[in-house]
């Protein structure tokens, strides 16, 4: 089998339907389903992982929902320089207004890592 890439790091799968989350028995201690508002999910993560200070959020719609609720202090986005149709912007104008690009780093594979922080 394939080795689990996250080691012992707990993983919460954010979904609108917990029945869609199929977790292999071997990973049941590390992977949990989570549903609710972004704030409720962060509360679940905080209660499950004492001392958690950074949370990795993935998926455009999910990221936008966390930004809209003011829950993103820093966002690191990897830009892959490939055009796929017209694309869908990651952030709306309102979200761009609360996030400020603070750095860019070109990676050896041609990707660009862009860091945004919440404007104060």
C-alpha atoms as a PDB file:
ATOM      1  CA  UNK A   1       0.000   0.000   0.000  1.00  0.00           C
ATOM      2  CA  UNK A   2       0.845   3.660  -0.156  1.00  0.00           C
ATOM      3  CA  UNK A   3       2.308   5.284   2.954  1.00  0.00           C
ATOM      4  CA  UNK A   4       0.065   7.948   4.536  1.00  0.00           C
ATOM      5  CA  UNK A   5       1.807  11.263   3.705  1.00  0.00           C
ATOM      6  CA  UNK A   6       0.674  13.166   6.825  1.00  0.00           C
ATOM      7  CA  UNK A   7       2.317  10.944   9.447  1.00  0.00           C
ATOM      8  CA  UNK A   8       0.499  11.318  12.771  1.00  0.00           C
ATOM      9  CA  UNK A   9      -0.974  14.729  11.917  1.00  0.00           C
ATOM     10  CA  UNK A  10      -4.751  14.656  12.448  1.00  0.00           C
ATOM     11  CA  UNK A  11      -6.807  15.318   9.306  1.00  0.00           C
ATOM     12  CA  UNK A  12     -10.375  16.632   9.279  1.00  0.00           C
ATOM     13  CA  UNK A  13     -12.316  16.265   6.041  1.00  0.00           C
ATOM     14  CA  UNK A  14     -14.703  19.224   5.801  1.00  0.00           C
ATOM     15  CA  UNK A  15     -17.907  18.170   4.069  1.00  0.00           C
ATOM     16  CA  UNK A  16     -21.586  18.996   3.866  1.00  0.00           C
ATOM     17  CA  UNK A  17     -22.448  15.287   4.093  1.00  0.00           C
ATOM     18  CA  UNK A  18     -20.528  13.086   6.536  1.00  0.00           C
ATOM     19  CA  UNK A  19     -21.827   9.972   4.752  1.00  0.00           C
ATOM     20  CA  UNK A  20     -19.525  10.930   1.845  1.00  0.00           C
ATOM     21  CA  UNK A  21     -16.404  10.570   4.013  1.00  0.00           C
ATOM     22  CA  UNK A  22     -15.098   7.022   3.684  1.00  0.00           C
ATOM     23  CA  UNK A  23     -12.089   6.539   5.959  1.00  0.00           C
ATOM     24  CA  UNK A  24     -10.077   3.310   5.766  1.00  0.00           C
ATOM     25  CA  UNK A  25      -9.960   1.461   9.095  1.00  0.00           C
ATOM     26  CA  UNK A  26      -6.175   1.876   9.253  1.00  0.00           C
ATOM     27  CA  UNK A  27      -6.600   5.669   9.303  1.00  0.00           C
ATOM     28  CA  UNK A  28      -9.661   5.992  11.550  1.00  0.00           C
ATOM     29  CA  UNK A  29      -7.587   7.387  14.443  1.00  0.00           C
ATOM     30  CA  UNK A  30      -6.104  10.155  12.253  1.00  0.00           C
ATOM     31  CA  UNK A  31      -8.869  11.095   9.793  1.00  0.00           C
ATOM     32  CA  UNK A  32     -12.251  12.436  10.870  1.00  0.00           C
ATOM     33  CA  UNK A  33     -15.164  13.969   9.020  1.00  0.00           C
ATOM     34  CA  UNK A  34     -16.281  17.469   9.988  1.00  0.00           C
ATOM     35  CA  UNK A  35     -19.406  19.391   9.051  1.00  0.00           C
ATOM     36  CA  UNK A  36     -20.855  22.770  10.031  1.00  0.00           C
ATOM     37  CA  UNK A  37     -19.815  26.365   9.559  1.00  0.00           C
ATOM     38  CA  UNK A  38     -16.109  27.172   9.241  1.00  0.00           C
ATOM     39  CA  UNK A  39     -16.159  28.553  12.808  1.00  0.00           C
ATOM     40  CA  UNK A  40     -17.740  25.327  14.115  1.00  0.00           C
ATOM     41  CA  UNK A  41     -15.148  23.231  12.300  1.00  0.00           C
ATOM     42  CA  UNK A  42     -12.286  25.268  13.780  1.00  0.00           C
ATOM     43  CA  UNK A  43     -13.824  24.810  17.241  1.00  0.00           C
ATOM     44  CA  UNK A  44     -13.949  21.048  16.602  1.00  0.00           C
ATOM     45  CA  UNK A  45     -10.297  21.029  15.532  1.00  0.00           C
ATOM     46  CA  UNK A  46      -9.261  23.133  18.550  1.00  0.00           C
ATOM     47  CA  UNK A  47     -11.057  20.799  20.963  1.00  0.00           C
ATOM     48  CA  UNK A  48      -9.569  17.700  19.317  1.00  0.00           C
ATOM     49  CA  UNK A  49      -6.009  19.033  19.009  1.00  0.00           C
ATOM     50  CA  UNK A  50      -4.882  20.888  22.097  1.00  0.00           C
ATOM     51  CA  UNK A  51      -2.495  23.702  21.242  1.00  0.00           C
ATOM     52  CA  UNK A  52      -3.303  23.741  17.508  1.00  0.00           C
ATOM     53  CA  UNK A  53      -2.324  27.101  16.070  1.00  0.00           C
ATOM     54  CA  UNK A  54      -2.157  26.508  12.309  1.00  0.00           C
ATOM     55  CA  UNK A  55      -4.803  24.811  10.203  1.00  0.00           C
ATOM     56  CA  UNK A  56      -4.343  23.808   6.571  1.00  0.00           C
ATOM     57  CA  UNK A  57      -7.476  24.538   4.534  1.00  0.00           C
ATOM     58  CA  UNK A  58      -7.731  23.296   0.960  1.00  0.00           C
ATOM     59  CA  UNK A  59     -10.182  23.838  -1.876  1.00  0.00           C
ATOM     60  CA  UNK A  60     -11.245  27.145  -3.401  1.00  0.00           C
ATOM     61  CA  UNK A  61     -14.814  27.222  -2.109  1.00  0.00           C
ATOM     62  CA  UNK A  62     -13.701  26.111   1.357  1.00  0.00           C
ATOM     63  CA  UNK A  63     -10.929  28.701   1.526  1.00  0.00           C
ATOM     64  CA  UNK A  64     -13.343  31.442   0.457  1.00  0.00           C
ATOM     65  CA  UNK A  65     -15.837  30.441   3.180  1.00  0.00           C
ATOM     66  CA  UNK A  66     -13.112  30.713   5.843  1.00  0.00           C
ATOM     67  CA  UNK A  67     -11.979  34.109   4.456  1.00  0.00           C
ATOM     68  CA  UNK A  68     -15.587  35.370   4.441  1.00  0.00           C
ATOM     69  CA  UNK A  69     -15.915  34.543   8.151  1.00  0.00           C
ATOM     70  CA  UNK A  70     -12.654  36.357   8.969  1.00  0.00           C
ATOM     71  CA  UNK A  71     -10.913  33.134   9.996  1.00  0.00           C
ATOM     72  CA  UNK A  72      -7.842  33.369   7.753  1.00  0.00           C
ATOM     73  CA  UNK A  73      -4.853  35.143   9.248  1.00  0.00           C
ATOM     74  CA  UNK A  74      -2.417  33.936   6.594  1.00  0.00           C
ATOM     75  CA  UNK A  75      -2.925  32.148   3.287  1.00  0.00           C
ATOM     76  CA  UNK A  76      -0.161  30.468   1.308  1.00  0.00           C
ATOM     77  CA  UNK A  77      -1.205  29.804  -2.283  1.00  0.00           C
ATOM     78  CA  UNK A  78       0.827  27.778  -4.782  1.00  0.00           C
ATOM     79  CA  UNK A  79       0.341  29.069  -8.299  1.00  0.00           C
ATOM     80  CA  UNK A  80       0.845  26.525 -11.072  1.00  0.00           C
ATOM     81  CA  UNK A  81       1.607  28.396 -14.310  1.00  0.00           C
ATOM     82  CA  UNK A  82      -0.773  26.445 -16.539  1.00  0.00           C
ATOM     83  CA  UNK A  83      -3.852  27.939 -18.171  1.00  0.00           C
ATOM     84  CA  UNK A  84      -6.914  25.706 -17.952  1.00  0.00           C
ATOM     85  CA  UNK A  85      -9.725  27.413 -19.845  1.00  0.00           C
ATOM     86  CA  UNK A  86     -10.723  30.758 -18.402  1.00  0.00           C
ATOM     87  CA  UNK A  87     -10.333  29.601 -14.802  1.00  0.00           C
ATOM     88  CA  UNK A  88     -12.179  30.698 -11.691  1.00  0.00           C
ATOM     89  CA  UNK A  89     -10.598  33.365  -9.470  1.00  0.00           C
ATOM     90  CA  UNK A  90      -9.632  32.070  -6.022  1.00  0.00           C
ATOM     91  CA  UNK A  91     -10.700  35.253  -4.226  1.00  0.00           C
ATOM     92  CA  UNK A  92     -13.591  37.659  -4.813  1.00  0.00           C
ATOM     93  CA  UNK A  93     -12.898  41.407  -4.806  1.00  0.00           C
ATOM     94  CA  UNK A  94     -14.245  41.647  -1.238  1.00  0.00           C
ATOM     95  CA  UNK A  95     -11.835  38.897  -0.155  1.00  0.00           C
ATOM     96  CA  UNK A  96      -8.939  40.593  -1.975  1.00  0.00           C
ATOM     97  CA  UNK A  97      -9.756  43.722   0.022  1.00  0.00           C
ATOM     98  CA  UNK A  98      -9.082  41.916   3.340  1.00  0.00           C
ATOM     99  CA  UNK A  99      -6.034  39.935   2.205  1.00  0.00           C
ATOM    100  CA  UNK A 100      -2.708  41.556   1.353  1.00  0.00           C
ATOM    101  CA  UNK A 101       0.000  39.808  -0.654  1.00  0.00           C
ATOM    102  CA  UNK A 102       3.117  39.851   1.504  1.00  0.00           C
ATOM    103  CA  UNK A 103       5.586  37.671  -0.406  1.00  0.00           C
ATOM    104  CA  UNK A 104       6.248  35.569  -3.486  1.00  0.00           C
ATOM    105  CA  UNK A 105       8.742  32.749  -3.877  1.00  0.00           C
ATOM    106  CA  UNK A 106       9.527  30.988  -7.139  1.00  0.00           C
ATOM    107  CA  UNK A 107      10.064  27.283  -6.588  1.00  0.00           C
ATOM    108  CA  UNK A 108      12.496  25.117  -8.550  1.00  0.00           C
ATOM    109  CA  UNK A 109       9.633  23.374 -10.386  1.00  0.00           C
ATOM    110  CA  UNK A 110       8.330  26.685 -11.792  1.00  0.00           C
ATOM    111  CA  UNK A 111       5.467  26.999  -9.308  1.00  0.00           C
ATOM    112  CA  UNK A 112       5.135  30.250  -7.370  1.00  0.00           C
ATOM    113  CA  UNK A 113       4.300  30.298  -3.660  1.00  0.00           C
ATOM    114  CA  UNK A 114       2.365  33.463  -2.773  1.00  0.00           C
ATOM    115  CA  UNK A 115       1.680  34.416   0.849  1.00  0.00           C
ATOM    116  CA  UNK A 116      -1.245  36.630   1.847  1.00  0.00           C
ATOM    117  CA  UNK A 117      -1.973  38.013   5.310  1.00  0.00           C
ATOM    118  CA  UNK A 118      -5.166  39.463   6.718  1.00  0.00           C
ATOM    119  CA  UNK A 119      -5.126  43.252   6.613  1.00  0.00           C
ATOM    120  CA  UNK A 120      -5.457  44.899  10.017  1.00  0.00           C
END
